[in-house]
Amino acid sequence: MQRNKSTPSTPNHSTDYDKTEGVITILGDPKKALVKLSGPMIISMILMSLYNIVNAIWVAGLGGDALAAVGFVTPLYLILVGLNNGLGAGAASAISRYIGANNKKSANNAAMHTLVLTMGISLILTVVLLVFLEPILILFGAGSTLDLAIQYAQVIILGTILMLFVGAAYGILRAEGDVKRAMYAMILSSVVNMVLDPILIYVAGWGISGAAWGTFISTALVAVILLYWLFVKRNTYISFSFKDFMPDRTITKNILGVGLPASVEFLVISILSIVLNAILVMVAGTDAVAVYTTGWRVVMFAMAPIIGIGTALVTVVGASYGAKKYGTLHMTYKYSLKIGLLVVAVTSILLYVFADYIAMLFTYSSASAYLSPTIASFIQVMCLFFIFLPLGAMSSSVFQGVGKGTTSLILTVLRELAFVSVFAYTFSILLGWGENGVWWGIIIGNLFGSIFAYIWAHIYIKRLEDSSKLDPQLNRL
């Protein structure tokens, strides 16, 4: 990244000399910063989601059991993805707040804390999951697909340390506004993965484990590139050296205060996935699980722009909060909602129109062709799911950006467990709507949860602004 050269840096605080283009961006016009950071993040998220879809398409060729096996591993995979995103979010939030406060020394130390924490968590998690893998999958309901699920899950778990390191590194780059390199790494990972999948699954004859090895190899490649950027090329705003690492409880708390709740949010989503899988097996059998797992990949793909905007919002909000520019924070939040609502409107229309064709991508083989109409129906119903999505997603990003990860977690628990699971159970079992009841439970639950999150975020930001008015020096707009 190009640096702004003017005056030398001081030990504790950064000057114009230290600031890269990305740092100057996140400390400048918040609307421009949000758009500039969102663009690469949206592209990255779309490519990663596209990989998940392509992966499912290739696995679909192995039959319905293979699709269901991936579905039963999905809750476990979401836990790893949760830690990946959580550690990245914790790093982005903590470091961007230090950057906003013009404290480069603590920003450097926070980056090193992130890497140390990531390595420790990865090693412990890998051992625990490998030892207890079979009973975990049985608990998740794998049943007759257990052998296939184990083949897939073992390789995924072996890549835990790579996955978590990559997530943490992405978060560090995002914290200083360097989203382009994060985008390049994500694109490379997705493309390599998509190329390897058919080769390893069918040409090499590795079957379902080939899909997992594609993920492992592509993640390892990206990890090597990130290590080169951070520790060899060393042209980031953040400095990486173990001499910069000084154990600090406050820094650890700032990272984990967002990172752990953000990770647990995915655990909550995993629990919801287990609950919904169980309900679907009860009311419609394993085919319904295959439909849900496959269709949800399409939903996640369509959610990519919103996730990209929300991810960028964490950094911009963190910088504004660190600088105590609460009016700027509020303006950025409202702007993110406007962009998000426009995006989901277009997304919903496109999904509804092309649902049948999208479903065909996953049902091209004779073994899964019978699932096509149900998958198409699921996708069309889920178009309603997107309407209120920005309210919940952007509100959670605000709380992560200001370091209130627990609040974001509470909102997720309310939305996913208190609303979605209850409505899904009520509609599908108590009212006898079957699998369609689960789909409508997801929609109505998200509606209530998103509105609640918006109200909470609005009240919190208003209180921040009111508190700054008591001290005019805090209201630096």
Protein backbone atom coordinates (compact mmCIF):
# COMPACT_ATOMS: atom_id res chain seq x y z
CA MET A 1 0.00 0.00 0.00
CA GLN A 2 1.22 3.52 -0.81
CA ARG A 3 2.23 5.58 2.22
CA ASN A 4 1.76 9.31 2.79
CA LYS A 5 5.26 10.65 3.48
CA SER A 6 5.50 13.83 5.52
CA THR A 7 6.74 13.62 9.11
CA PRO A 8 8.39 10.84 11.09
CA SER A 9 6.36 8.67 13.43
CA THR A 10 6.42 8.74 17.21
CA PRO A 11 6.60 5.64 19.41
CA ASN A 12 2.99 5.73 20.56
CA HIS A 13 1.02 7.57 17.93
CA SER A 14 0.91 7.47 14.14
CA THR A 15 1.48 10.48 11.90
CA ASP A 16 0.81 11.15 8.24
CA TYR A 17 4.04 9.32 7.41
CA ASP A 18 2.68 6.06 8.82
CA LYS A 19 -0.72 6.22 7.22
CA THR A 20 -1.41 4.02 4.23
CA GLU A 21 -4.06 4.77 1.64
CA GLY A 22 -6.47 2.44 3.45
CA VAL A 23 -6.03 4.17 6.81
CA ILE A 24 -6.56 7.58 5.22
CA THR A 25 -9.75 6.22 3.66
CA ILE A 26 -11.31 4.91 6.87
CA LEU A 27 -10.47 8.15 8.69
CA GLY A 28 -11.97 10.31 5.92
CA ASP A 29 -15.50 10.71 4.53
CA PRO A 30 -17.47 7.79 6.07
CA LYS A 31 -19.82 7.39 3.10
CA LYS A 32 -16.93 7.19 0.66
CA ALA A 33 -15.11 4.87 3.03
CA LEU A 34 -18.10 2.54 3.30
CA VAL A 35 -18.54 2.39 -0.49
CA LYS A 36 -14.82 1.97 -1.14
CA LEU A 37 -14.45 -0.79 1.43
CA SER A 38 -17.75 -2.48 0.58
CA GLY A 39 -16.97 -2.95 -3.12
CA PRO A 40 -14.03 -5.35 -2.72
CA MET A 41 -15.74 -7.07 0.23
CA ILE A 42 -18.90 -7.68 -1.81
CA ILE A 43 -16.86 -9.15 -4.66
CA SER A 44 -14.99 -11.34 -2.17
CA MET A 45 -18.15 -12.57 -0.47
CA ILE A 46 -19.85 -13.30 -3.79
CA LEU A 47 -16.87 -15.35 -4.96
CA MET A 48 -16.72 -17.28 -1.70
CA SER A 49 -20.46 -17.93 -1.81
CA LEU A 50 -20.17 -18.94 -5.45
CA TYR A 51 -17.55 -21.47 -4.43
CA ASN A 52 -20.00 -22.96 -1.92
CA ILE A 53 -22.61 -23.26 -4.65
CA VAL A 54 -20.18 -24.81 -7.13
CA ASN A 55 -19.01 -27.19 -4.42
CA ALA A 56 -22.62 -28.28 -3.83
CA ILE A 57 -23.18 -28.69 -7.57
CA TRP A 58 -20.25 -31.09 -7.86
CA VAL A 59 -21.24 -32.98 -4.70
CA ALA A 60 -24.79 -33.26 -6.06
CA GLY A 61 -23.43 -35.51 -8.78
CA LEU A 62 -22.65 -38.06 -6.06
CA GLY A 63 -26.35 -38.31 -5.12
CA GLY A 64 -28.76 -37.22 -2.41
CA ASP A 65 -26.89 -39.04 0.39
CA ALA A 66 -23.73 -37.03 -0.34
CA LEU A 67 -25.70 -33.77 -0.28
CA ALA A 68 -27.33 -34.78 3.01
CA ALA A 69 -23.92 -35.78 4.47
CA VAL A 70 -22.57 -32.31 3.73
CA GLY A 71 -25.72 -30.94 5.36
CA PHE A 72 -25.07 -32.84 8.57
CA VAL A 73 -21.46 -31.57 8.63
CA THR A 74 -22.64 -28.01 7.96
CA PRO A 75 -23.31 -27.17 11.65
CA LEU A 76 -19.75 -28.23 12.51
CA TYR A 77 -18.36 -26.32 9.55
CA LEU A 78 -20.32 -23.23 10.61
CA ILE A 79 -18.58 -23.36 13.98
CA LEU A 80 -15.20 -23.15 12.22
CA VAL A 81 -16.47 -20.45 9.89
CA GLY A 82 -17.78 -18.66 12.97
CA LEU A 83 -14.34 -18.66 14.60
CA ASN A 84 -12.82 -17.59 11.28
CA ASN A 85 -15.17 -14.63 11.01
CA GLY A 86 -15.23 -13.98 14.74
CA LEU A 87 -11.48 -13.63 15.13
CA GLY A 88 -11.43 -11.48 12.00
CA ALA A 89 -14.23 -9.28 13.35
CA GLY A 90 -12.51 -9.01 16.74
CA ALA A 91 -9.25 -7.98 15.07
CA ALA A 92 -10.96 -5.50 12.73
CA SER A 93 -12.95 -3.91 15.55
CA ALA A 94 -10.10 -3.59 18.06
CA ILE A 95 -7.43 -2.47 15.59
CA SER A 96 -9.67 0.02 13.77
CA ARG A 97 -10.61 1.59 17.13
CA TYR A 98 -6.92 2.01 17.98
CA ILE A 99 -6.30 3.48 14.54
CA GLY A 100 -9.21 5.89 15.03
CA ALA A 101 -7.69 6.90 18.37
CA ASN A 102 -4.33 7.45 16.59
CA ASN A 103 -2.59 4.80 18.73
CA LYS A 104 -0.41 2.79 16.34
CA LYS A 105 1.56 1.03 19.07
CA SER A 106 -1.57 -0.58 20.50
CA ALA A 107 -2.80 -1.36 16.98
CA ASN A 108 0.43 -3.30 16.30
CA ASN A 109 0.15 -5.11 19.62
CA ALA A 110 -3.49 -5.98 18.93
CA ALA A 111 -2.52 -7.54 15.60
CA MET A 112 0.09 -9.73 17.29
CA HIS A 113 -2.39 -10.69 20.02
CA THR A 114 -4.81 -11.75 17.29
CA LEU A 115 -2.28 -14.11 15.70
CA VAL A 116 -1.19 -15.64 19.02
CA LEU A 117 -4.79 -16.22 20.10
CA THR A 118 -5.62 -17.72 16.71
CA MET A 119 -2.83 -20.27 16.86
CA GLY A 120 -3.75 -21.39 20.38
CA ILE A 121 -7.46 -21.75 19.67
CA SER A 122 -6.79 -23.61 16.42
CA LEU A 123 -4.59 -26.29 17.95
CA ILE A 124 -6.96 -27.01 20.85
CA LEU A 125 -10.03 -27.12 18.60
CA THR A 126 -8.42 -29.45 16.05
CA VAL A 127 -7.55 -32.07 18.65
CA VAL A 128 -10.96 -31.93 20.37
CA LEU A 129 -12.97 -32.18 17.15
CA LEU A 130 -10.94 -35.07 15.71
CA VAL A 131 -11.27 -37.08 18.94
CA PHE A 132 -15.04 -36.58 19.27
CA LEU A 133 -15.99 -36.35 15.57
CA GLU A 134 -18.11 -39.51 15.29
CA PRO A 135 -20.32 -38.91 18.35
CA ILE A 136 -20.75 -35.27 17.30
CA LEU A 137 -22.01 -36.27 13.84
CA ILE A 138 -24.31 -38.89 15.35
CA LEU A 139 -25.68 -36.18 17.64
CA PHE A 140 -26.26 -34.00 14.57
CA GLY A 141 -28.39 -36.80 13.07
CA ALA A 142 -26.05 -38.09 10.33
CA GLY A 143 -27.46 -41.64 10.69
CA SER A 144 -27.17 -43.60 7.45
CA THR A 145 -24.85 -40.95 5.95
CA LEU A 146 -22.36 -41.16 8.84
CA ASP A 147 -19.47 -42.68 6.85
CA LEU A 148 -19.75 -40.04 4.12
CA ALA A 149 -20.02 -37.27 6.71
CA ILE A 150 -16.87 -38.48 8.51
CA GLN A 151 -14.89 -38.59 5.25
CA TYR A 152 -15.83 -34.99 4.55
CA ALA A 153 -15.47 -33.64 8.09
CA GLN A 154 -12.05 -35.11 8.89
CA VAL A 155 -10.32 -33.14 6.16
CA ILE A 156 -12.19 -29.94 7.01
CA ILE A 157 -11.07 -30.23 10.64
CA LEU A 158 -7.42 -30.79 9.67
CA GLY A 159 -7.55 -27.38 7.96
CA THR A 160 -8.77 -25.57 11.09
CA ILE A 161 -5.47 -23.80 11.80
CA LEU A 162 -5.28 -22.60 8.19
CA MET A 163 -8.89 -21.43 8.15
CA LEU A 164 -8.62 -19.47 11.40
CA PHE A 165 -5.30 -17.87 10.47
CA VAL A 166 -6.71 -16.72 7.15
CA GLY A 167 -9.77 -15.23 8.88
CA ALA A 168 -7.62 -13.37 11.41
CA ALA A 169 -5.33 -12.05 8.69
CA TYR A 170 -8.31 -10.83 6.67
CA GLY A 171 -9.57 -9.00 9.74
CA ILE A 172 -6.22 -7.29 10.27
CA LEU A 173 -6.10 -6.12 6.66
CA ARG A 174 -9.71 -4.89 6.84
CA ALA A 175 -8.94 -2.98 10.03
CA GLU A 176 -6.53 -0.73 8.20
CA GLY A 177 -8.75 -0.40 5.13
CA ASP A 178 -6.63 -2.74 2.99
CA VAL A 179 -9.62 -4.59 1.57
CA LYS A 180 -8.19 -5.02 -1.93
CA ARG A 181 -5.54 -7.51 -0.87
CA ALA A 182 -8.09 -9.33 1.26
CA MET A 183 -10.26 -9.47 -1.87
CA TYR A 184 -7.43 -10.83 -4.02
CA ALA A 185 -6.73 -13.58 -1.49
CA MET A 186 -10.41 -14.54 -1.24
CA ILE A 187 -10.80 -14.62 -5.02
CA LEU A 188 -7.72 -16.82 -5.39
CA SER A 189 -9.00 -19.21 -2.73
CA SER A 190 -12.42 -19.49 -4.36
CA VAL A 191 -11.11 -19.97 -7.90
CA VAL A 192 -8.55 -22.60 -6.90
CA ASN A 193 -11.21 -24.40 -4.90
CA MET A 194 -13.68 -24.44 -7.79
CA VAL A 195 -11.02 -25.77 -10.15
CA LEU A 196 -9.86 -28.49 -7.74
CA ASP A 197 -13.34 -29.79 -6.83
CA PRO A 198 -14.20 -31.69 -10.04
CA ILE A 199 -10.62 -32.89 -10.39
CA LEU A 200 -10.41 -34.35 -6.89
CA ILE A 201 -14.02 -35.57 -6.65
CA TYR A 202 -14.30 -37.27 -10.05
CA VAL A 203 -10.95 -37.42 -11.88
CA ALA A 204 -8.96 -38.51 -8.82
CA GLY A 205 -11.96 -40.52 -7.62
CA TRP A 206 -11.83 -39.20 -4.06
CA GLY A 207 -15.59 -38.65 -3.90
CA ILE A 208 -16.95 -36.46 -1.14
CA SER A 209 -13.56 -36.17 0.58
CA GLY A 210 -12.22 -34.61 -2.64
CA ALA A 211 -14.48 -31.59 -2.05
CA ALA A 212 -12.97 -31.18 1.42
CA TRP A 213 -9.40 -31.51 0.13
CA GLY A 214 -10.12 -28.79 -2.42
CA THR A 215 -10.98 -26.47 0.46
CA PHE A 216 -7.88 -27.52 2.41
CA ILE A 217 -5.43 -26.98 -0.46
CA SER A 218 -6.86 -23.62 -1.54
CA THR A 219 -6.85 -22.34 2.06
CA ALA A 220 -3.24 -23.45 2.54
CA LEU A 221 -2.21 -21.57 -0.62
CA VAL A 222 -3.84 -18.36 0.58
CA ALA A 223 -2.31 -18.75 4.06
CA VAL A 224 1.17 -18.82 2.49
CA ILE A 225 0.43 -15.65 0.50
CA LEU A 226 -0.88 -13.84 3.59
CA LEU A 227 2.20 -14.84 5.58
CA TYR A 228 4.35 -13.37 2.81
CA TRP A 229 2.42 -10.08 2.80
CA LEU A 230 2.43 -9.67 6.57
CA PHE A 231 5.88 -10.94 7.57
CA VAL A 232 8.10 -10.73 4.46
CA LYS A 233 6.88 -7.89 2.25
CA ARG A 234 5.88 -5.86 5.35
CA ASN A 235 4.20 -2.92 3.57
CA THR A 236 1.12 -2.74 5.78
CA TYR A 237 0.26 0.05 8.21
CA ILE A 238 0.31 -2.52 10.99
CA SER A 239 3.81 -3.73 11.91
CA PHE A 240 4.28 -7.44 12.60
CA SER A 241 7.11 -8.39 14.91
CA PHE A 242 7.23 -10.39 18.11
CA LYS A 243 9.16 -7.52 19.68
CA ASP A 244 5.91 -5.54 19.34
CA PHE A 245 4.04 -8.19 21.32
CA MET A 246 3.48 -7.31 24.96
CA PRO A 247 0.74 -9.31 26.75
CA ASP A 248 -2.06 -6.91 27.58
CA ARG A 249 -5.37 -7.92 29.16
CA THR A 250 -7.15 -4.86 27.80
CA ILE A 251 -6.13 -5.63 24.22
CA THR A 252 -7.05 -9.30 24.65
CA LYS A 253 -10.42 -8.24 26.04
CA ASN A 254 -11.01 -5.86 23.13
CA ILE A 255 -10.33 -8.62 20.59
CA LEU A 256 -12.18 -11.44 22.32
CA GLY A 257 -14.95 -9.10 23.46
CA VAL A 258 -16.04 -9.00 19.82
CA GLY A 259 -14.37 -12.15 18.47
CA LEU A 260 -15.84 -14.72 20.86
CA PRO A 261 -19.44 -13.45 20.72
CA ALA A 262 -19.16 -13.19 16.92
CA SER A 263 -17.91 -16.77 16.84
CA VAL A 264 -20.67 -17.92 19.15
CA GLU A 265 -23.15 -16.26 16.79
CA PHE A 266 -22.20 -18.87 14.22
CA LEU A 267 -22.48 -21.55 16.90
CA VAL A 268 -26.03 -20.32 17.48
CA ILE A 269 -26.65 -20.54 13.74
CA SER A 270 -25.19 -24.06 13.83
CA ILE A 271 -27.55 -24.98 16.65
CA LEU A 272 -30.42 -23.56 14.62
CA SER A 273 -29.28 -25.65 11.64
CA ILE A 274 -29.31 -28.77 13.85
CA VAL A 275 -32.79 -27.90 15.14
CA LEU A 276 -34.13 -27.25 11.65
CA ASN A 277 -32.54 -30.45 10.32
CA ALA A 278 -34.20 -32.40 13.13
CA ILE A 279 -37.59 -30.81 12.43
CA LEU A 280 -37.21 -31.47 8.71
CA VAL A 281 -36.34 -35.14 9.30
CA MET A 282 -39.43 -35.44 11.50
CA VAL A 283 -41.85 -33.86 9.03
CA ALA A 284 -40.35 -34.75 5.63
CA GLY A 285 -37.24 -36.97 5.87
CA THR A 286 -33.62 -36.52 4.75
CA ASP A 287 -34.64 -35.21 1.32
CA ALA A 288 -35.90 -32.07 3.04
CA VAL A 289 -32.46 -31.68 4.68
CA ALA A 290 -30.86 -31.90 1.23
CA VAL A 291 -33.26 -29.22 -0.06
CA TYR A 292 -32.59 -26.93 2.89
CA THR A 293 -28.80 -27.39 2.73
CA THR A 294 -28.68 -26.84 -1.02
CA GLY A 295 -31.17 -23.97 -1.11
CA TRP A 296 -29.49 -22.22 1.78
CA ARG A 297 -26.25 -22.09 -0.20
CA VAL A 298 -28.14 -20.01 -2.76
CA VAL A 299 -29.50 -17.79 0.03
CA MET A 300 -25.97 -17.31 1.41
CA PHE A 301 -24.77 -16.38 -2.06
CA ALA A 302 -27.52 -13.78 -2.35
CA MET A 303 -26.65 -12.49 1.13
CA ALA A 304 -23.03 -11.88 0.10
CA PRO A 305 -23.48 -8.17 -0.75
CA ILE A 306 -25.15 -7.52 2.60
CA ILE A 307 -22.41 -9.40 4.45
CA GLY A 308 -19.81 -7.41 2.49
CA ILE A 309 -21.39 -4.08 3.42
CA GLY A 310 -21.76 -5.17 7.04
CA THR A 311 -18.13 -6.29 7.21
CA ALA A 312 -16.96 -2.93 5.86
CA LEU A 313 -19.27 -1.17 8.31
CA VAL A 314 -17.46 -2.77 11.28
CA THR A 315 -14.20 -1.08 10.25
CA VAL A 316 -15.70 2.35 9.50
CA VAL A 317 -17.77 2.34 12.70
CA GLY A 318 -14.74 1.20 14.71
CA ALA A 319 -12.63 4.09 13.41
CA SER A 320 -15.43 6.61 14.07
CA TYR A 321 -16.00 5.25 17.57
CA GLY A 322 -12.28 5.30 18.36
CA ALA A 323 -12.15 8.95 17.27
CA LYS A 324 -15.36 9.65 19.27
CA LYS A 325 -17.14 10.91 16.16
CA TYR A 326 -20.58 9.63 17.12
CA GLY A 327 -22.50 11.79 14.66
CA THR A 328 -20.37 10.34 11.87
CA LEU A 329 -21.09 6.86 13.19
CA HIS A 330 -24.85 7.47 13.02
CA MET A 331 -24.65 8.86 9.50
CA THR A 332 -22.65 5.83 8.35
CA TYR A 333 -25.19 3.44 9.88
CA LYS A 334 -28.12 5.10 8.12
CA TYR A 335 -26.24 5.14 4.82
CA SER A 336 -25.46 1.42 5.12
CA LEU A 337 -29.18 0.70 5.59
CA LYS A 338 -30.11 2.61 2.43
CA ILE A 339 -27.55 0.72 0.35
CA GLY A 340 -28.54 -2.60 1.90
CA LEU A 341 -32.26 -2.17 1.25
CA LEU A 342 -31.61 -1.29 -2.40
CA VAL A 343 -29.42 -4.37 -2.82
CA VAL A 344 -31.92 -6.82 -1.31
CA ALA A 345 -34.73 -5.44 -3.45
CA VAL A 346 -32.83 -6.26 -6.64
CA THR A 347 -31.62 -9.59 -5.25
CA SER A 348 -35.11 -10.78 -4.34
CA ILE A 349 -36.52 -10.04 -7.78
CA LEU A 350 -33.71 -11.86 -9.57
CA LEU A 351 -33.93 -14.92 -7.32
CA TYR A 352 -37.68 -15.22 -7.74
CA VAL A 353 -37.51 -14.99 -11.54
CA PHE A 354 -34.63 -17.45 -11.99
CA ALA A 355 -35.39 -19.91 -9.16
CA ASP A 356 -36.23 -22.82 -11.49
CA TYR A 357 -33.00 -22.43 -13.44
CA ILE A 358 -30.92 -22.12 -10.28
CA ALA A 359 -32.45 -25.31 -8.89
CA MET A 360 -31.49 -27.19 -12.06
CA LEU A 361 -27.81 -26.50 -11.34
CA PHE A 362 -28.03 -28.72 -8.27
CA THR A 363 -30.18 -31.44 -9.80
CA TYR A 364 -28.45 -32.21 -13.08
CA SER A 365 -27.85 -35.86 -12.17
CA SER A 366 -30.55 -38.54 -12.24
CA ALA A 367 -29.84 -39.19 -8.54
CA SER A 368 -30.97 -35.73 -7.48
CA ALA A 369 -33.29 -34.54 -10.31
CA TYR A 370 -36.43 -35.20 -8.27
CA LEU A 371 -35.40 -32.48 -5.79
CA SER A 372 -35.50 -29.67 -8.39
CA PRO A 373 -39.10 -28.40 -7.90
CA THR A 374 -38.77 -28.34 -4.11
CA ILE A 375 -35.45 -26.48 -4.21
CA ALA A 376 -36.94 -23.92 -6.61
CA SER A 377 -39.92 -23.43 -4.30
CA PHE A 378 -37.61 -22.95 -1.31
CA ILE A 379 -35.61 -20.27 -3.15
CA GLN A 380 -38.75 -18.35 -4.14
CA VAL A 381 -40.14 -18.37 -0.61
CA MET A 382 -36.78 -17.19 0.75
CA CYS A 383 -37.02 -14.04 -1.37
CA LEU A 384 -39.20 -12.66 1.43
CA PHE A 385 -36.41 -13.44 3.90
CA PHE A 386 -34.22 -10.69 2.42
CA ILE A 387 -36.60 -7.76 2.94
CA PHE A 388 -35.66 -7.00 6.55
CA LEU A 389 -32.18 -8.55 6.46
CA PRO A 390 -30.24 -5.23 6.28
CA LEU A 391 -31.86 -3.97 9.49
CA GLY A 392 -30.50 -6.90 11.49
CA ALA A 393 -27.16 -7.26 9.69
CA MET A 394 -26.13 -3.59 9.85
CA SER A 395 -27.26 -3.25 13.46
CA SER A 396 -25.10 -6.21 14.48
CA SER A 397 -22.14 -4.69 12.59
CA VAL A 398 -22.53 -1.43 14.52
CA PHE A 399 -22.33 -3.23 17.85
CA GLN A 400 -19.29 -5.21 16.69
CA GLY A 401 -17.62 -2.02 15.48
CA VAL A 402 -17.97 -0.29 18.86
CA GLY A 403 -16.73 -3.38 20.70
CA LYS A 404 -20.08 -4.59 22.04
CA GLY A 405 -19.87 -8.12 20.69
CA THR A 406 -22.08 -9.50 23.43
CA THR A 407 -24.95 -7.26 22.35
CA SER A 408 -24.59 -8.51 18.79
CA LEU A 409 -24.65 -12.08 20.12
CA ILE A 410 -27.81 -11.44 22.14
CA LEU A 411 -29.52 -10.14 19.01
CA THR A 412 -28.50 -13.27 17.11
CA VAL A 413 -29.74 -15.57 19.87
CA LEU A 414 -33.08 -13.78 19.93
CA ARG A 415 -33.45 -13.89 16.16
CA GLU A 416 -32.28 -17.45 15.54
CA LEU A 417 -33.41 -19.34 18.65
CA ALA A 418 -36.15 -17.25 20.23
CA PHE A 419 -37.82 -16.38 16.93
CA VAL A 420 -36.83 -18.60 13.98
CA SER A 421 -36.75 -21.95 15.78
CA VAL A 422 -39.99 -21.26 17.66
CA PHE A 423 -41.87 -20.14 14.55
CA ALA A 424 -40.44 -23.04 12.50
CA TYR A 425 -41.59 -25.57 15.12
CA THR A 426 -44.99 -23.92 15.45
CA PHE A 427 -45.69 -23.73 11.73
CA SER A 428 -44.26 -27.10 10.68
CA ILE A 429 -45.37 -29.35 13.57
CA LEU A 430 -48.06 -27.67 15.64
CA LEU A 431 -49.88 -26.25 12.61
CA GLY A 432 -48.94 -29.21 10.39
CA TRP A 433 -47.46 -27.20 7.50
CA GLY A 434 -44.58 -29.68 7.08
CA GLU A 435 -41.33 -28.48 5.51
CA ASN A 436 -43.03 -25.31 4.22
CA GLY A 437 -43.65 -24.38 7.85
CA VAL A 438 -39.88 -24.40 8.41
CA TRP A 439 -39.34 -22.05 5.45
CA TRP A 440 -41.96 -19.60 6.77
CA GLY A 441 -40.54 -19.89 10.28
CA ILE A 442 -37.19 -18.65 8.95
CA ILE A 443 -38.86 -15.67 7.28
CA ILE A 444 -41.10 -14.56 10.17
CA GLY A 445 -38.38 -15.14 12.76
CA ASN A 446 -35.92 -13.02 10.82
CA LEU A 447 -38.52 -10.28 10.44
CA PHE A 448 -39.11 -9.95 14.20
CA GLY A 449 -35.40 -10.30 15.01
CA SER A 450 -34.27 -7.68 12.51
CA ILE A 451 -36.81 -5.09 13.63
CA PHE A 452 -35.80 -5.66 17.27
CA ALA A 453 -32.09 -5.24 16.36
CA TYR A 454 -32.78 -2.00 14.50
CA ILE A 455 -34.65 -0.49 17.45
CA TRP A 456 -31.85 -1.46 19.87
CA ALA A 457 -29.12 -0.01 17.61
CA HIS A 458 -31.08 3.21 17.05
CA ILE A 459 -31.51 3.75 20.80
CA TYR A 460 -27.82 2.99 21.49
CA ILE A 461 -26.51 5.41 18.85
CA LYS A 462 -28.89 8.13 20.04
CA ARG A 463 -27.53 7.74 23.57
CA LEU A 464 -23.96 8.04 22.26
CA GLU A 465 -24.85 11.29 20.51
CA ASP A 466 -26.62 12.63 23.56
CA SER A 467 -23.61 11.84 25.76
CA SER A 468 -21.28 13.68 23.37
CA LYS A 469 -23.41 16.81 23.63
CA LEU A 470 -22.60 16.94 27.35
CA ASP A 471 -18.95 17.36 26.40
CA PRO A 472 -18.63 19.44 23.19
CA GLN A 473 -15.03 18.27 22.66
CA LEU A 474 -16.34 14.72 22.09
CA ASN A 475 -18.62 15.84 19.29
CA ARG A 476 -15.90 16.28 16.68
CA LEU A 477 -17.88 16.14 13.46
